[in-house]
Amino acid sequence: MSAAALRGGWAGPAAGMFAVAWGANQFVSMLVAYRAQRGLSAATTDGLFGIYALALIAALLLAGPAADVWGRARVVRPAVVVSALATIVLMCGEDSVGLLLAGRFLAGAASGAIFAAGTAWVKDLSAAPAGGDEESGARRAAVALSLGFGVGPLATGVAGQWAPDPLLTAYVPHLLIVAAVTPLLWRVPVRQEAVGSGRGFVKRLRVPSVGHRRFLRVVLPAAPWVFAGPSVAFAVLPSLVASRTGGFGVAFAGVAAGLTLGVGVAVQSLTRRLDQPGRVAASVLGLLLTAAGMAAAAVAAAVEEPWLVLAAAVPLGAGYGTGLVSGLLEAQRIARPDDLAGLTAVYYALTYVGFGLPLLLAAVRPLVSYPLMLAAAAVLAVVSAALVTQGSRVPLASMPGHAPVCLRP
């Protein structure tokens, strides 16, 4: 870890985000194992996936304003503890659907609590002279999040495939990660966190910057696609080809998730170079990559070929990484100084709407085949890219009295 990271303190909340993201996504690789070893139905596993997203979105919308009022640390630190608790509940729920639901709910709540508050805290602590520029915070937070999302299911997939008693031991690495991260997080100096201007928590549940025309025209159409692509790559496609993975379905699911999100991390530095205030090239590129990935996913679903699933994971991951960073940067430019965490929370909530895509596909499956639905998703992603391009005509400073917080000099 660099000296600049330690001096600035941003490494602490970034490590916390990594740990919670690991805990949030580790379950993805285990879906195949629960179906094979405990006979859980597809509807039940979809429900376990969905309850996480619902808890996350609710926590996001509450924790973002809370972090703006009471400070980032008071939200981020408890979230890490709740994430560990969620893993313990999952370990205890090996034979109980109720406990699995409770564990996934807690994991979603922890994720929602930390993602917006942690991103805002990393941004706060990345400002000069902490070794960063105006965009460093968004980039560092996105990398921490993506690494946790990617490494977590990859490690769990390996453990779930070959470790003894996998429904228990596969979760142990997350507890070790939390134990290592917690001291680092609690050593971060708490300073200049609450940026409130007299508005209390209840009033901050209304985030004024959400009404910014550029947020509505540029950020909103692109946000749900950020996680729609990865959710297809690691929650839909591996199950469709599980019978053709030679008994290595759990490991394959972990590899698919790790590849998707690993590519997402790799493209984020390129996205920063492409991003320009007032322009939407990065957002449009992310949507077009997602469209290409959905088209490839349609082919993989049609022929049920595992290698094509991994091929589709590459553009889906690239679309995720590009879309996440460009959306965060756009939202942080739009945000007012007193609702940065609140608007970040709204942005993350919109991205997590994309996690509902597997549930939607499963619901429509009796009427329409997966290849056709995925091809339709590719077309809709292209339509969204056109909408974002049209919305780019709205200037950043289009609200009276609005002063964006991330404009370059």
Protein backbone atom coordinates (compact mmCIF):
# COMPACT_ATOMS: atom_id res chain seq x y z
CA MET A 1 0.00 0.00 0.00
CA SER A 2 1.41 3.37 -1.02
CA ALA A 3 2.58 6.03 1.40
CA ALA A 4 0.15 8.49 -0.22
CA ALA A 5 -2.73 6.14 0.50
CA LEU A 6 -1.76 5.89 4.15
CA ARG A 7 -1.22 9.64 4.50
CA GLY A 8 -4.50 10.51 2.87
CA GLY A 9 -6.40 7.83 4.73
CA TRP A 10 -8.47 6.83 1.68
CA ALA A 11 -7.09 3.28 1.78
CA GLY A 12 -9.12 2.55 4.92
CA PRO A 13 -12.60 3.13 3.51
CA ALA A 14 -11.49 1.68 0.16
CA ALA A 15 -10.45 -1.52 1.94
CA GLY A 16 -13.80 -1.54 3.73
CA MET A 17 -15.60 -1.28 0.39
CA PHE A 18 -13.49 -4.14 -0.96
CA ALA A 19 -14.39 -6.34 2.01
CA VAL A 20 -18.11 -5.64 1.81
CA ALA A 21 -18.15 -6.12 -1.97
CA TRP A 22 -16.40 -9.47 -1.48
CA GLY A 23 -19.10 -10.49 1.00
CA ALA A 24 -21.87 -9.25 -1.25
CA ASN A 25 -20.82 -11.22 -4.34
CA GLN A 26 -19.32 -14.36 -2.79
CA PHE A 27 -22.76 -15.96 -2.85
CA VAL A 28 -22.91 -15.84 -6.66
CA SER A 29 -20.58 -18.81 -7.10
CA MET A 30 -22.51 -20.83 -4.53
CA LEU A 31 -25.84 -20.72 -6.37
CA VAL A 32 -24.87 -23.80 -8.38
CA ALA A 33 -23.73 -25.58 -5.21
CA TYR A 34 -26.98 -24.87 -3.36
CA ARG A 35 -28.99 -26.16 -6.29
CA ALA A 36 -26.88 -29.32 -6.60
CA GLN A 37 -26.34 -30.14 -2.92
CA ARG A 38 -29.50 -28.79 -1.27
CA GLY A 39 -31.94 -29.05 -4.14
CA LEU A 40 -32.93 -25.39 -4.06
CA SER A 41 -35.19 -24.46 -6.93
CA ALA A 42 -34.36 -21.77 -9.47
CA ALA A 43 -37.17 -19.65 -7.99
CA THR A 44 -35.62 -19.88 -4.53
CA THR A 45 -32.14 -18.95 -5.71
CA ASP A 46 -33.59 -16.07 -7.73
CA GLY A 47 -35.33 -14.95 -4.54
CA LEU A 48 -32.04 -15.06 -2.64
CA PHE A 49 -30.55 -12.92 -5.37
CA GLY A 50 -33.49 -10.50 -5.38
CA ILE A 51 -33.74 -9.94 -1.62
CA TYR A 52 -30.13 -8.80 -1.61
CA ALA A 53 -30.87 -6.18 -4.26
CA LEU A 54 -33.99 -4.93 -2.47
CA ALA A 55 -32.15 -4.54 0.84
CA LEU A 56 -29.24 -2.85 -0.91
CA ILE A 57 -31.38 -0.26 -2.68
CA ALA A 58 -33.31 0.57 0.51
CA ALA A 59 -30.08 0.91 2.51
CA LEU A 60 -28.51 3.05 -0.21
CA LEU A 61 -31.33 5.57 -0.16
CA LEU A 62 -31.15 5.83 3.64
CA ALA A 63 -27.39 5.62 4.20
CA GLY A 64 -26.39 8.20 1.61
CA PRO A 65 -28.24 11.07 3.30
CA ALA A 66 -27.19 9.71 6.71
CA ALA A 67 -23.54 9.96 5.70
CA ASP A 68 -24.04 13.58 4.62
CA VAL A 69 -25.61 14.44 7.99
CA TRP A 70 -23.68 12.37 10.54
CA GLY A 71 -20.43 11.66 8.75
CA ARG A 72 -19.04 8.90 6.58
CA ALA A 73 -17.36 6.86 9.32
CA ARG A 74 -20.57 6.38 11.30
CA VAL A 75 -22.06 4.61 8.29
CA VAL A 76 -19.03 2.83 6.81
CA ARG A 77 -17.63 1.21 9.94
CA PRO A 78 -20.87 -0.50 11.09
CA ALA A 79 -21.48 -1.68 7.52
CA VAL A 80 -18.28 -3.74 7.60
CA VAL A 81 -19.40 -5.40 10.83
CA VAL A 82 -22.85 -6.17 9.38
CA SER A 83 -21.18 -7.69 6.32
CA ALA A 84 -19.29 -10.14 8.53
CA LEU A 85 -22.51 -10.91 10.42
CA ALA A 86 -24.24 -11.65 7.11
CA THR A 87 -21.55 -14.20 6.24
CA ILE A 88 -21.89 -15.90 9.62
CA VAL A 89 -25.66 -16.17 9.11
CA LEU A 90 -25.09 -17.72 5.66
CA MET A 91 -22.73 -20.25 7.21
CA CYS A 92 -25.37 -21.15 9.80
CA GLY A 93 -28.03 -21.36 7.09
CA GLU A 94 -26.53 -24.29 5.23
CA ASP A 95 -29.80 -26.21 5.66
CA SER A 96 -32.21 -23.32 6.20
CA VAL A 97 -33.70 -21.21 3.43
CA GLY A 98 -34.90 -18.73 6.08
CA LEU A 99 -31.37 -18.13 7.34
CA LEU A 100 -30.06 -17.87 3.79
CA LEU A 101 -32.66 -15.19 3.09
CA ALA A 102 -31.69 -13.38 6.30
CA GLY A 103 -28.00 -13.57 5.41
CA ARG A 104 -28.58 -12.21 1.94
CA PHE A 105 -30.75 -9.43 3.32
CA LEU A 106 -28.00 -8.40 5.75
CA ALA A 107 -25.42 -8.55 2.97
CA GLY A 108 -27.57 -6.22 0.88
CA ALA A 109 -28.06 -3.83 3.78
CA ALA A 110 -24.30 -3.71 4.45
CA SER A 111 -23.59 -3.11 0.78
CA GLY A 112 -26.10 -0.30 0.49
CA ALA A 113 -24.77 1.33 3.62
CA ILE A 114 -21.15 1.37 2.52
CA PHE A 115 -21.21 1.91 -1.23
CA ALA A 116 -22.44 5.51 -1.27
CA ALA A 117 -20.92 6.56 2.05
CA GLY A 118 -17.66 4.78 1.28
CA THR A 119 -17.40 6.34 -2.17
CA ALA A 120 -17.98 9.80 -0.71
CA TRP A 121 -15.42 9.15 2.06
CA VAL A 122 -12.80 7.92 -0.39
CA LYS A 123 -13.41 11.02 -2.50
CA ASP A 124 -13.11 13.29 0.54
CA LEU A 125 -9.81 11.69 1.56
CA SER A 126 -8.42 11.58 -1.99
CA ALA A 127 -8.40 15.35 -2.41
CA ALA A 128 -5.02 17.10 -2.56
CA PRO A 129 -2.62 16.94 -0.76
CA ALA A 130 -3.50 13.25 -0.34
CA GLY A 131 -1.97 12.27 -3.65
CA GLY A 132 -5.04 12.52 -5.84
CA ASP A 133 -6.93 14.80 -8.17
CA GLU A 134 -10.63 15.58 -8.51
CA GLU A 135 -11.36 12.23 -10.15
CA SER A 136 -9.14 10.00 -8.01
CA GLY A 137 -11.83 9.34 -5.42
CA ALA A 138 -14.37 7.99 -7.91
CA ARG A 139 -11.72 5.86 -9.60
CA ARG A 140 -10.34 4.42 -6.35
CA ALA A 141 -13.79 3.63 -5.00
CA ALA A 142 -14.82 1.96 -8.26
CA VAL A 143 -11.65 -0.16 -8.33
CA ALA A 144 -12.10 -1.25 -4.69
CA LEU A 145 -15.70 -2.16 -5.36
CA SER A 146 -14.95 -4.05 -8.55
CA LEU A 147 -12.01 -5.96 -7.06
CA GLY A 148 -14.19 -7.14 -4.19
CA PHE A 149 -16.99 -8.09 -6.54
CA GLY A 150 -14.61 -10.04 -8.77
CA VAL A 151 -12.16 -11.70 -6.37
CA GLY A 152 -14.87 -12.72 -3.89
CA PRO A 153 -16.83 -15.06 -6.16
CA LEU A 154 -13.65 -16.34 -7.80
CA ALA A 155 -12.21 -17.40 -4.42
CA THR A 156 -15.54 -18.76 -3.26
CA GLY A 157 -15.95 -20.70 -6.50
CA VAL A 158 -12.60 -22.39 -6.04
CA ALA A 159 -13.34 -23.21 -2.39
CA GLY A 160 -16.88 -24.27 -3.19
CA GLN A 161 -15.63 -26.69 -5.84
CA TRP A 162 -12.77 -28.36 -4.00
CA ALA A 163 -12.82 -27.48 -0.27
CA PRO A 164 -14.36 -29.89 2.25
CA ASP A 165 -17.85 -28.95 3.45
CA PRO A 166 -17.98 -26.14 0.83
CA LEU A 167 -21.26 -24.58 1.99
CA LEU A 168 -19.41 -23.69 5.19
CA THR A 169 -15.72 -23.31 4.40
CA ALA A 170 -16.19 -21.26 1.21
CA TYR A 171 -17.27 -18.31 3.37
CA VAL A 172 -14.25 -18.36 5.70
CA PRO A 173 -12.01 -16.17 3.47
CA HIS A 174 -14.45 -13.28 3.77
CA LEU A 175 -14.29 -13.36 7.56
CA LEU A 176 -10.49 -13.29 7.35
CA ILE A 177 -10.65 -10.30 4.97
CA VAL A 178 -12.93 -8.40 7.37
CA ALA A 179 -10.60 -9.19 10.28
CA ALA A 180 -7.66 -7.74 8.32
CA VAL A 181 -9.54 -4.65 7.12
CA THR A 182 -11.21 -3.61 10.36
CA PRO A 183 -8.11 -2.27 12.17
CA LEU A 184 -7.10 -0.29 9.07
CA LEU A 185 -10.56 1.23 8.78
CA TRP A 186 -10.73 2.24 12.44
CA ARG A 187 -7.34 3.97 12.23
CA VAL A 188 -8.55 6.41 9.58
CA PRO A 189 -8.71 9.93 11.06
CA VAL A 190 -12.24 11.30 11.08
CA ARG A 191 -12.23 14.86 9.84
CA GLN A 192 -14.53 17.16 7.91
CA GLU A 193 -17.05 14.41 7.30
CA ALA A 194 -20.45 15.87 7.98
CA VAL A 195 -21.03 18.61 5.43
CA GLY A 196 -24.56 19.46 6.46
CA SER A 197 -25.94 22.93 6.00
CA GLY A 198 -28.67 22.77 8.60
CA ARG A 199 -30.84 20.18 6.85
CA GLY A 200 -31.68 17.18 9.01
CA PHE A 201 -31.76 13.54 7.99
CA VAL A 202 -35.43 13.45 7.00
CA LYS A 203 -35.08 16.52 4.77
CA ARG A 204 -31.99 15.02 3.16
CA LEU A 205 -33.96 12.01 1.99
CA ARG A 206 -34.94 14.39 -0.78
CA VAL A 207 -31.77 14.85 -2.86
CA PRO A 208 -32.12 18.08 -4.89
CA SER A 209 -29.50 17.15 -7.49
CA VAL A 210 -31.63 14.21 -8.63
CA GLY A 211 -33.77 16.78 -10.41
CA HIS A 212 -30.84 18.09 -12.41
CA ARG A 213 -31.75 17.70 -16.10
CA ARG A 214 -28.36 16.24 -16.92
CA PHE A 215 -28.79 13.57 -14.24
CA LEU A 216 -32.17 12.65 -15.71
CA ARG A 217 -31.02 12.74 -19.33
CA VAL A 218 -27.48 11.28 -19.08
CA VAL A 219 -27.05 9.32 -15.84
CA LEU A 220 -30.51 7.77 -15.48
CA PRO A 221 -30.74 6.01 -18.87
CA ALA A 222 -27.30 4.43 -18.48
CA ALA A 223 -27.26 3.48 -14.80
CA PRO A 224 -29.36 0.26 -14.80
CA TRP A 225 -27.13 -1.25 -17.48
CA VAL A 226 -24.07 -1.05 -15.21
CA PHE A 227 -25.03 -4.19 -13.29
CA ALA A 228 -27.44 -5.65 -15.83
CA GLY A 229 -24.50 -6.99 -17.83
CA PRO A 230 -22.63 -8.63 -14.93
CA SER A 231 -25.86 -10.09 -13.54
CA VAL A 232 -26.39 -11.90 -16.85
CA ALA A 233 -22.74 -13.00 -16.97
CA PHE A 234 -22.65 -14.64 -13.56
CA ALA A 235 -26.26 -15.26 -12.52
CA VAL A 236 -27.88 -16.39 -15.77
CA LEU A 237 -25.36 -17.83 -18.23
CA PRO A 238 -23.46 -20.24 -15.89
CA SER A 239 -26.73 -21.93 -14.92
CA LEU A 240 -27.68 -22.37 -18.56
CA VAL A 241 -24.46 -24.28 -19.29
CA ALA A 242 -24.03 -26.03 -15.91
CA SER A 243 -24.75 -29.45 -17.43
CA ARG A 244 -21.86 -28.97 -19.88
CA THR A 245 -19.12 -27.96 -17.42
CA GLY A 246 -18.04 -31.52 -16.58
CA GLY A 247 -19.00 -31.36 -12.93
CA PHE A 248 -17.13 -28.11 -12.34
CA GLY A 249 -20.18 -25.85 -12.31
CA VAL A 250 -19.29 -24.06 -9.06
CA ALA A 251 -15.74 -23.29 -10.19
CA PHE A 252 -16.99 -22.24 -13.63
CA ALA A 253 -19.47 -19.81 -12.06
CA GLY A 254 -16.63 -18.33 -10.02
CA VAL A 255 -14.41 -17.97 -13.08
CA ALA A 256 -17.24 -16.31 -15.04
CA ALA A 257 -17.82 -13.81 -12.24
CA GLY A 258 -14.12 -13.18 -11.73
CA LEU A 259 -13.50 -12.66 -15.45
CA THR A 260 -16.46 -10.31 -15.83
CA LEU A 261 -15.49 -8.08 -12.95
CA GLY A 262 -11.75 -8.43 -13.55
CA VAL A 263 -12.21 -6.97 -17.02
CA GLY A 264 -14.36 -4.30 -15.38
CA VAL A 265 -11.42 -3.30 -13.18
CA ALA A 266 -8.96 -3.37 -16.06
CA VAL A 267 -10.88 -0.88 -18.20
CA GLN A 268 -11.48 1.70 -15.49
CA SER A 269 -8.20 3.56 -15.95
CA LEU A 270 -8.92 3.81 -19.69
CA THR A 271 -12.38 5.15 -18.91
CA ARG A 272 -10.91 7.96 -16.85
CA ARG A 273 -8.77 9.04 -19.80
CA LEU A 274 -11.75 8.96 -22.13
CA ASP A 275 -14.06 10.84 -19.75
CA GLN A 276 -14.40 14.58 -20.31
CA PRO A 277 -16.69 16.99 -18.40
CA GLY A 278 -19.70 17.83 -20.52
CA ARG A 279 -19.18 14.88 -22.86
CA VAL A 280 -20.67 11.38 -22.79
CA ALA A 281 -18.26 9.33 -24.90
CA ALA A 282 -17.37 7.05 -21.97
CA SER A 283 -21.00 6.45 -21.02
CA VAL A 284 -21.98 5.70 -24.60
CA LEU A 285 -19.02 3.35 -25.01
CA GLY A 286 -20.07 1.48 -21.87
CA LEU A 287 -23.59 1.01 -23.22
CA LEU A 288 -22.35 -0.18 -26.62
CA LEU A 289 -19.99 -2.68 -24.96
CA THR A 290 -22.91 -3.95 -22.88
CA ALA A 291 -24.99 -4.28 -26.05
CA ALA A 292 -22.22 -6.31 -27.68
CA GLY A 293 -22.00 -8.48 -24.57
CA MET A 294 -25.75 -9.10 -24.55
CA ALA A 295 -25.59 -10.13 -28.22
CA ALA A 296 -22.75 -12.54 -27.42
CA ALA A 297 -24.72 -13.82 -24.42
CA ALA A 298 -27.68 -14.53 -26.72
CA VAL A 299 -25.45 -16.71 -28.89
CA ALA A 300 -23.98 -18.48 -25.84
CA ALA A 301 -27.49 -19.18 -24.51
CA ALA A 302 -28.60 -20.52 -27.88
CA VAL A 303 -25.80 -23.07 -28.25
CA GLU A 304 -25.18 -23.63 -24.49
CA GLU A 305 -21.42 -23.51 -24.91
CA PRO A 306 -19.37 -22.70 -21.76
CA TRP A 307 -16.51 -21.07 -23.69
CA LEU A 308 -18.95 -18.68 -25.34
CA VAL A 309 -20.19 -17.72 -21.89
CA LEU A 310 -16.66 -16.66 -20.98
CA ALA A 311 -16.36 -14.82 -24.30
CA ALA A 312 -19.55 -12.89 -23.55
CA ALA A 313 -18.23 -12.06 -20.07
CA VAL A 314 -15.47 -9.90 -21.57
CA PRO A 315 -17.62 -7.18 -23.22
CA LEU A 316 -20.17 -7.40 -20.40
CA GLY A 317 -17.38 -6.75 -17.90
CA ALA A 318 -15.92 -3.95 -20.02
CA GLY A 319 -19.35 -2.33 -20.26
CA TYR A 320 -19.74 -2.61 -16.48
CA GLY A 321 -16.37 -1.02 -15.68
CA THR A 322 -16.76 1.77 -18.21
CA GLY A 323 -20.32 2.52 -17.18
CA LEU A 324 -19.62 2.47 -13.45
CA VAL A 325 -16.74 4.96 -13.55
CA SER A 326 -18.30 7.29 -16.12
CA GLY A 327 -21.59 7.35 -14.21
CA LEU A 328 -19.88 8.03 -10.89
CA LEU A 329 -17.85 10.87 -12.36
CA GLU A 330 -20.93 12.37 -13.99
CA ALA A 331 -22.96 12.11 -10.78
CA GLN A 332 -20.18 13.68 -8.72
CA ARG A 333 -19.93 16.60 -11.13
CA ILE A 334 -23.67 17.14 -10.87
CA ALA A 335 -23.84 16.80 -7.06
CA ARG A 336 -23.96 19.85 -4.85
CA PRO A 337 -21.42 19.90 -2.01
CA ASP A 338 -24.08 19.10 0.59
CA ASP A 339 -25.65 16.11 -1.18
CA LEU A 340 -22.66 14.27 -2.62
CA ALA A 341 -23.28 11.04 -0.67
CA GLY A 342 -27.02 11.33 -1.25
CA LEU A 343 -26.70 11.63 -5.04
CA THR A 344 -24.06 8.90 -5.08
CA ALA A 345 -26.54 6.69 -3.22
CA VAL A 346 -29.26 7.40 -5.77
CA TYR A 347 -26.83 6.59 -8.58
CA TYR A 348 -25.83 3.26 -7.02
CA ALA A 349 -29.51 2.43 -6.40
CA LEU A 350 -30.24 3.01 -10.07
CA THR A 351 -27.32 0.79 -11.10
CA TYR A 352 -28.59 -2.00 -8.88
CA VAL A 353 -31.91 -1.98 -10.66
CA GLY A 354 -29.93 -3.93 -13.25
CA PHE A 355 -29.64 -6.81 -10.80
CA GLY A 356 -33.34 -7.34 -11.33
CA LEU A 357 -32.75 -8.41 -14.93
CA PRO A 358 -32.22 -12.13 -14.11
CA LEU A 359 -35.52 -12.13 -12.19
CA LEU A 360 -37.27 -10.49 -15.13
CA LEU A 361 -35.77 -12.97 -17.58
CA ALA A 362 -36.82 -15.90 -15.39
CA ALA A 363 -40.36 -14.54 -15.17
CA VAL A 364 -40.67 -14.11 -18.95
CA ARG A 365 -38.91 -17.40 -19.74
CA PRO A 366 -42.15 -19.42 -20.15
CA LEU A 367 -43.11 -17.09 -23.00
CA VAL A 368 -39.82 -16.10 -24.62
CA SER A 369 -36.51 -17.96 -24.95
CA TYR A 370 -33.33 -16.70 -23.30
CA PRO A 371 -31.55 -16.05 -26.63
CA LEU A 372 -34.40 -13.86 -27.84
CA MET A 373 -34.63 -11.95 -24.55
CA LEU A 374 -30.89 -11.32 -24.48
CA ALA A 375 -30.95 -10.14 -28.09
CA ALA A 376 -33.75 -7.72 -27.13
CA ALA A 377 -31.62 -6.48 -24.22
CA ALA A 378 -28.81 -5.75 -26.69
CA VAL A 379 -31.15 -3.61 -28.76
CA LEU A 380 -32.41 -1.75 -25.69
CA ALA A 381 -28.83 -0.99 -24.62
CA VAL A 382 -28.21 0.62 -28.01
CA VAL A 383 -31.41 2.67 -27.61
CA SER A 384 -30.15 3.83 -24.21
CA ALA A 385 -26.86 4.91 -25.81
CA ALA A 386 -28.83 7.05 -28.26
CA LEU A 387 -30.80 8.62 -25.40
CA VAL A 388 -27.60 9.45 -23.50
CA THR A 389 -26.10 11.01 -26.62
CA GLN A 390 -29.14 13.20 -27.03
CA GLY A 391 -29.10 14.13 -23.34
CA SER A 392 -25.48 15.30 -23.55
CA ARG A 393 -26.73 18.63 -24.88
CA VAL A 394 -27.85 19.56 -21.35
CA PRO A 395 -25.07 21.62 -19.70
CA LEU A 396 -23.66 20.67 -16.31
CA ALA A 397 -24.63 23.96 -14.65
CA SER A 398 -28.27 23.96 -15.74
CA MET A 399 -29.94 24.42 -12.33
CA PRO A 400 -30.22 27.85 -10.69
CA GLY A 401 -27.70 28.18 -7.88
CA HIS A 402 -26.10 24.88 -8.77
CA ALA A 403 -22.33 24.57 -8.46
CA PRO A 404 -20.94 21.18 -9.58
CA VAL A 405 -18.29 19.85 -7.24
CA CYS A 406 -16.06 17.97 -9.69
CA LEU A 407 -15.48 20.31 -12.62
CA ARG A 408 -11.92 20.46 -13.85
CA PRO A 409 -10.15 23.84 -13.83
